[in-house]
Protein backbone atom coordinates (compact mmCIF):
# COMPACT_ATOMS: atom_id res chain seq x y z
CA MET A 1 -16.14 41.65 9.10
CA ALA A 2 -16.91 38.57 7.00
CA GLU A 3 -19.70 38.99 4.48
CA ASP A 4 -22.66 36.63 4.16
CA LEU A 5 -23.34 35.51 0.60
CA VAL A 6 -26.58 34.30 -0.97
CA LEU A 7 -25.70 31.33 -3.18
CA ASP A 8 -27.61 30.99 -6.41
CA THR A 9 -29.51 27.72 -6.86
CA ALA A 10 -27.97 27.45 -10.33
CA ILE A 11 -24.57 26.95 -8.68
CA ARG A 12 -26.02 24.01 -6.79
CA ASP A 13 -27.56 22.53 -9.95
CA TRP A 14 -24.68 23.17 -12.37
CA VAL A 15 -21.58 23.10 -10.15
CA LEU A 16 -22.05 21.35 -6.79
CA ILE A 17 -24.19 18.36 -7.82
CA PRO A 18 -22.44 17.63 -11.17
CA LEU A 19 -19.02 17.84 -9.52
CA SER A 20 -20.04 15.42 -6.77
CA VAL A 21 -21.65 12.98 -9.21
CA VAL A 22 -18.62 13.03 -11.51
CA MET A 23 -16.24 12.35 -8.61
CA VAL A 24 -18.32 9.33 -7.53
CA LEU A 25 -18.52 7.96 -11.09
CA ILE A 26 -14.78 8.42 -11.61
CA GLY A 27 -14.06 6.60 -8.36
CA VAL A 28 -16.24 3.65 -9.38
CA LEU A 29 -14.72 3.60 -12.87
CA ARG A 30 -11.20 3.65 -11.42
CA TYR A 31 -12.05 0.68 -9.22
CA PHE A 32 -13.20 -1.45 -12.15
CA VAL A 33 -10.31 -0.34 -14.38
CA SER A 34 -7.74 -1.16 -11.70
CA LYS A 35 -9.47 -4.50 -11.16
CA LEU A 36 -9.11 -5.31 -14.87
CA MET A 37 -5.47 -4.18 -14.94
CA ASN A 38 -4.43 -6.25 -11.93
CA SER A 39 -2.62 -9.41 -12.92
CA SER A 40 -3.16 -12.55 -10.87
CA GLN A 41 0.10 -13.58 -9.24
CA THR A 42 0.85 -16.54 -7.03
CA PRO A 43 2.13 -15.32 -3.65
CA ASP A 44 5.72 -16.04 -2.70
CA THR A 45 5.82 -19.09 -0.44
CA LYS A 46 8.66 -17.69 1.65
CA ILE A 47 6.85 -14.41 2.30
CA VAL A 48 3.66 -16.21 3.28
CA LYS A 49 5.58 -18.52 5.62
CA GLU A 50 7.37 -15.62 7.30
CA GLY A 51 4.08 -13.80 7.75
CA GLN A 52 2.53 -16.83 9.44
CA VAL A 53 5.55 -17.13 11.74
CA VAL A 54 5.11 -13.51 12.82
CA VAL A 55 1.42 -14.12 13.56
CA ARG A 56 2.18 -17.23 15.63
CA ALA A 57 4.90 -15.42 17.58
CA ARG A 58 2.55 -12.52 18.26
CA ASN A 59 -0.12 -14.91 19.55
CA LEU A 60 2.46 -16.48 21.85
CA ARG A 61 3.45 -13.07 23.18
CA VAL A 62 -0.16 -12.04 23.81
CA GLY A 63 -1.14 -15.29 25.53
CA ALA A 64 2.16 -15.92 27.32
CA ASN A 65 0.65 -15.74 30.79
CA PHE A 66 -1.83 -18.54 30.09
CA ILE A 67 0.79 -21.28 29.64
CA PRO A 68 3.35 -22.59 32.17
CA SER A 69 6.73 -20.95 32.42
CA LYS A 70 8.53 -24.04 31.10
CA ALA A 71 6.33 -24.17 28.01
CA PHE A 72 6.80 -20.45 27.36
CA ARG A 73 10.60 -20.70 27.61
CA ALA A 74 10.63 -23.67 25.20
CA ARG A 75 8.55 -21.77 22.65
CA LYS A 76 10.61 -18.63 23.14
CA ILE A 77 13.82 -20.55 22.38
CA TYR A 78 12.11 -22.12 19.37
CA TYR A 79 11.38 -18.67 17.93
CA CYS A 80 14.31 -16.56 19.18
CA ASN A 81 17.27 -18.97 19.13
CA GLU A 82 20.31 -17.23 17.65
CA GLU A 83 21.28 -20.34 15.66
CA ASN A 84 18.10 -21.71 14.07
CA GLY A 85 15.22 -19.69 15.54
CA LEU A 86 12.31 -18.99 13.23
CA LEU A 87 12.47 -15.24 13.96
CA PHE A 88 16.25 -14.94 13.74
CA VAL A 89 17.47 -13.23 10.55
CA PRO A 90 21.26 -13.38 10.02
CA LYS A 91 22.98 -10.15 9.09
CA GLY A 92 23.25 -9.62 5.36
CA GLN A 93 20.34 -11.92 4.49
CA GLY A 94 17.62 -9.32 4.73
CA GLN A 95 15.76 -8.65 1.50
CA ASN A 96 16.04 -5.32 -0.22
CA PRO A 97 12.47 -4.50 -1.34
CA GLN A 98 13.67 -1.97 -3.93
CA ALA A 99 16.05 -4.47 -5.52
CA GLN A 100 13.35 -7.12 -5.36
CA MET A 101 10.94 -4.87 -7.22
CA PHE A 102 13.39 -4.14 -10.05
CA SER A 103 14.37 -7.80 -10.29
CA ASP A 104 10.71 -8.79 -10.69
CA PRO A 105 9.23 -7.06 -13.76
CA ASN A 106 5.69 -8.10 -12.82
CA MET A 107 5.91 -6.29 -9.47
CA ALA A 108 7.22 -3.13 -11.12
CA MET A 109 4.51 -3.30 -13.78
CA ASP A 110 1.73 -3.72 -11.20
CA MET A 111 3.04 -0.78 -9.22
CA MET A 112 3.16 1.38 -12.35
CA LYS A 113 -0.41 0.39 -13.25
CA LYS A 114 -1.68 1.35 -9.80
CA ASN A 115 0.08 4.70 -9.93
CA LEU A 116 -1.20 5.45 -13.43
CA SER A 117 -4.76 4.51 -12.45
CA MET A 118 -4.55 7.18 -9.75
CA ILE A 119 -2.48 9.93 -11.41
CA ILE A 120 -4.17 10.09 -14.83
CA PRO A 121 -7.81 10.41 -13.60
CA GLN A 122 -6.82 12.93 -10.94
CA THR A 123 -4.89 15.07 -13.43
CA LEU A 124 -7.71 15.11 -15.98
CA THR A 125 -10.39 15.73 -13.37
CA PHE A 126 -8.47 18.58 -11.76
CA ALA A 127 -7.89 20.19 -15.18
CA TRP A 128 -11.63 19.87 -15.93
CA VAL A 129 -12.60 21.40 -12.58
CA ASN A 130 -10.03 24.18 -12.88
CA PHE A 131 -11.18 25.08 -16.40
CA PHE A 132 -14.98 24.99 -15.99
CA PHE A 133 -15.64 25.60 -12.28
CA SER A 134 -12.79 27.84 -11.11
CA GLY A 135 -13.82 30.82 -8.98
CA PHE A 136 -17.25 29.54 -7.86
CA VAL A 137 -18.42 29.57 -4.25
CA ALA A 138 -20.12 26.19 -4.29
CA ALA A 139 -21.38 25.54 -0.75
CA LYS A 140 -21.44 26.68 2.85
CA ILE A 141 -20.62 24.60 5.90
CA PRO A 142 -23.40 24.93 8.52
CA PHE A 143 -21.07 25.66 11.45
CA PRO A 144 -18.40 28.32 12.11
CA LEU A 145 -14.71 27.66 11.47
CA THR A 146 -11.48 29.43 12.35
CA GLN A 147 -9.23 31.26 9.92
CA ARG A 148 -6.88 28.29 9.69
CA PHE A 149 -9.37 26.54 7.41
CA ARG A 150 -9.51 29.36 4.87
CA SER A 151 -6.66 28.07 2.70
CA MET A 152 -8.20 24.59 2.68
CA LEU A 153 -11.83 25.52 2.00
CA GLN A 154 -11.39 28.57 -0.25
CA ASN A 155 -8.75 27.42 -2.70
CA GLY A 156 -8.98 29.58 -5.81
CA ILE A 157 -10.81 32.48 -4.13
CA ASP A 158 -8.71 35.46 -3.04
CA LEU A 159 -11.28 37.32 -0.93
CA SER A 160 -10.43 37.78 2.73
CA THR A 161 -13.86 39.29 3.47
CA VAL A 162 -15.74 36.05 2.71
CA ASP A 163 -16.63 33.95 5.73
CA VAL A 164 -14.47 30.86 6.25
CA SER A 165 -17.47 28.51 6.18
CA TYR A 166 -17.94 29.05 2.42
CA VAL A 167 -16.36 26.39 0.21
CA SER A 168 -14.98 27.06 -3.25
CA SER A 169 -15.51 24.69 -6.15
CA ARG A 170 -11.84 23.72 -6.26
CA SER A 171 -11.82 22.95 -2.53
CA TRP A 172 -15.02 20.94 -2.96
CA TYR A 173 -13.16 18.83 -5.49
CA PHE A 174 -10.41 18.06 -2.97
CA LEU A 175 -12.95 17.32 -0.23
CA ASN A 176 -14.63 14.79 -2.51
CA LEU A 177 -11.28 13.36 -3.59
CA PHE A 178 -10.14 12.53 -0.06
CA GLY A 179 -13.49 12.21 1.71
CA LEU A 180 -15.47 9.70 -0.33
CA ARG A 181 -13.79 6.57 1.03
CA GLY A 182 -16.69 5.87 3.42
CA PHE A 183 -19.18 6.15 0.55
CA PHE A 184 -17.11 3.85 -1.67
CA SER A 185 -16.88 1.32 1.17
CA LEU A 186 -20.69 1.20 1.20
CA ILE A 187 -21.17 0.65 -2.52
CA LEU A 188 -18.01 -1.35 -3.29
CA GLY A 189 -17.25 -3.04 0.02
CA GLU A 190 -14.79 -2.20 2.79
CA GLU A 191 -11.87 -4.02 1.16
CA ASN A 192 -12.56 -2.52 -2.27
CA ALA A 193 -12.87 1.12 -1.22
CA VAL A 194 -10.80 3.56 -3.25
CA ASP A 195 -8.46 5.33 -0.82
CA ASP A 196 -6.35 8.00 -2.56
CA THR A 197 -4.56 8.92 0.66
CA GLN A 198 -3.31 5.37 1.14
CA ARG A 199 -2.24 5.12 -2.49
CA MET A 200 -0.27 8.34 -2.23
CA MET A 201 1.52 6.98 0.81
CA GLN A 202 2.30 3.75 -1.05
CA MET A 203 3.85 5.68 -3.94
CA GLY A 204 6.70 6.77 -1.68
CA GLY A 205 7.76 3.19 -0.90
CA PHE A 206 9.02 0.32 -2.99
CA GLY A 207 7.69 -2.64 -1.03
CA PHE A 208 7.78 -4.37 2.30
CA ASP A 209 10.78 -6.11 3.82
CA PRO A 210 9.58 -9.24 5.70
CA SER A 211 12.89 -9.55 7.55
CA LYS A 212 12.16 -6.32 9.43
CA GLY A 213 8.90 -7.79 10.70
CA LEU A 214 10.71 -10.91 11.90
CA SER A 215 13.38 -8.88 13.70
CA ALA A 216 10.82 -6.58 15.32
CA GLU A 217 8.73 -9.49 16.57
CA LYS A 218 11.87 -11.22 17.88
CA ASP A 219 12.79 -8.12 19.89
CA ASN A 220 9.26 -7.91 21.31
CA LEU A 221 9.28 -11.57 22.28
CA ASP A 222 12.72 -11.27 23.91
CA ILE A 223 11.58 -8.57 26.30
CA THR A 224 8.26 -10.28 27.17
CA GLN A 225 8.08 -11.11 30.89
CA HIS A 226 6.22 -14.30 31.81
CA ASP A 227 3.78 -14.22 34.72
CA TRP A 228 1.66 -17.35 34.84
CA ALA A 229 -1.92 -16.41 35.62
CA LEU A 230 -3.11 -19.82 36.88
CA PRO A 231 -1.58 -19.82 40.44
CA ASN A 232 -3.36 -16.57 41.31
CA PHE A 233 -6.56 -17.45 39.50
CA GLU A 234 -8.42 -18.65 42.62
CA GLN A 235 -7.55 -15.50 44.58
CA ARG A 236 -8.70 -13.25 41.76
CA ALA A 237 -11.91 -15.25 41.31
CA GLU A 238 -12.58 -15.00 45.03
CA ALA A 239 -12.02 -11.24 44.96
CA VAL A 240 -14.42 -10.85 42.06
CA LEU A 241 -17.09 -12.93 43.82
CA ARG A 242 -16.72 -10.91 47.01
CA LYS A 243 -17.29 -7.71 45.07
CA VAL A 244 -20.36 -9.17 43.38
CA ILE A 245 -21.86 -10.44 46.64
CA SER A 246 -21.15 -7.28 48.59
């Protein structure tokens, strides 16, 4: 049977609160440091143009039923023509984002700066937490949990008799690391929130290939079926009015 523990208030004052405050301050400091390290670059005109083409084609696909069939076919040919369509990408002309990154030293440098601004603070903070706060039971979650959460909430504590709702200091560090994005969005703004999960996902890639977006949107536009909504508009309006009146 799981044992109930009585947590000392000194753990709250010297472990839980300092750890939470330090994680918030490190997140704010990382935001300002990364903002200073970012170099202002002029966007590539070709990439911006291709992005706008994808947006226009998507708007055409969404609102296809609100224009006549002739107009939709003309716009579809304009975007999807195999000779000079805006969404058509010839084979062999797609950009390799990895080669593009290594050919542009500024892009590689910016990516390295972003990774360092995430890896270095996390490594130092985890070493600090592991050295000073390892082995503490820092908090208790006010609702019961299943045994599957034990490895996530009690990292660093090898006691199977402790209830799963108790959180170790090391697990509290990870909860703050991945769970403070909503708080950062309040104090820094939604677009400036520090999201470690998203940064970790970005570390596995080397960039974005715009040609894939063009090809995907071309395939979506090719299979779009046109059904003009105007001829049946009066019947649908009449049906809606009959329901309202009745």
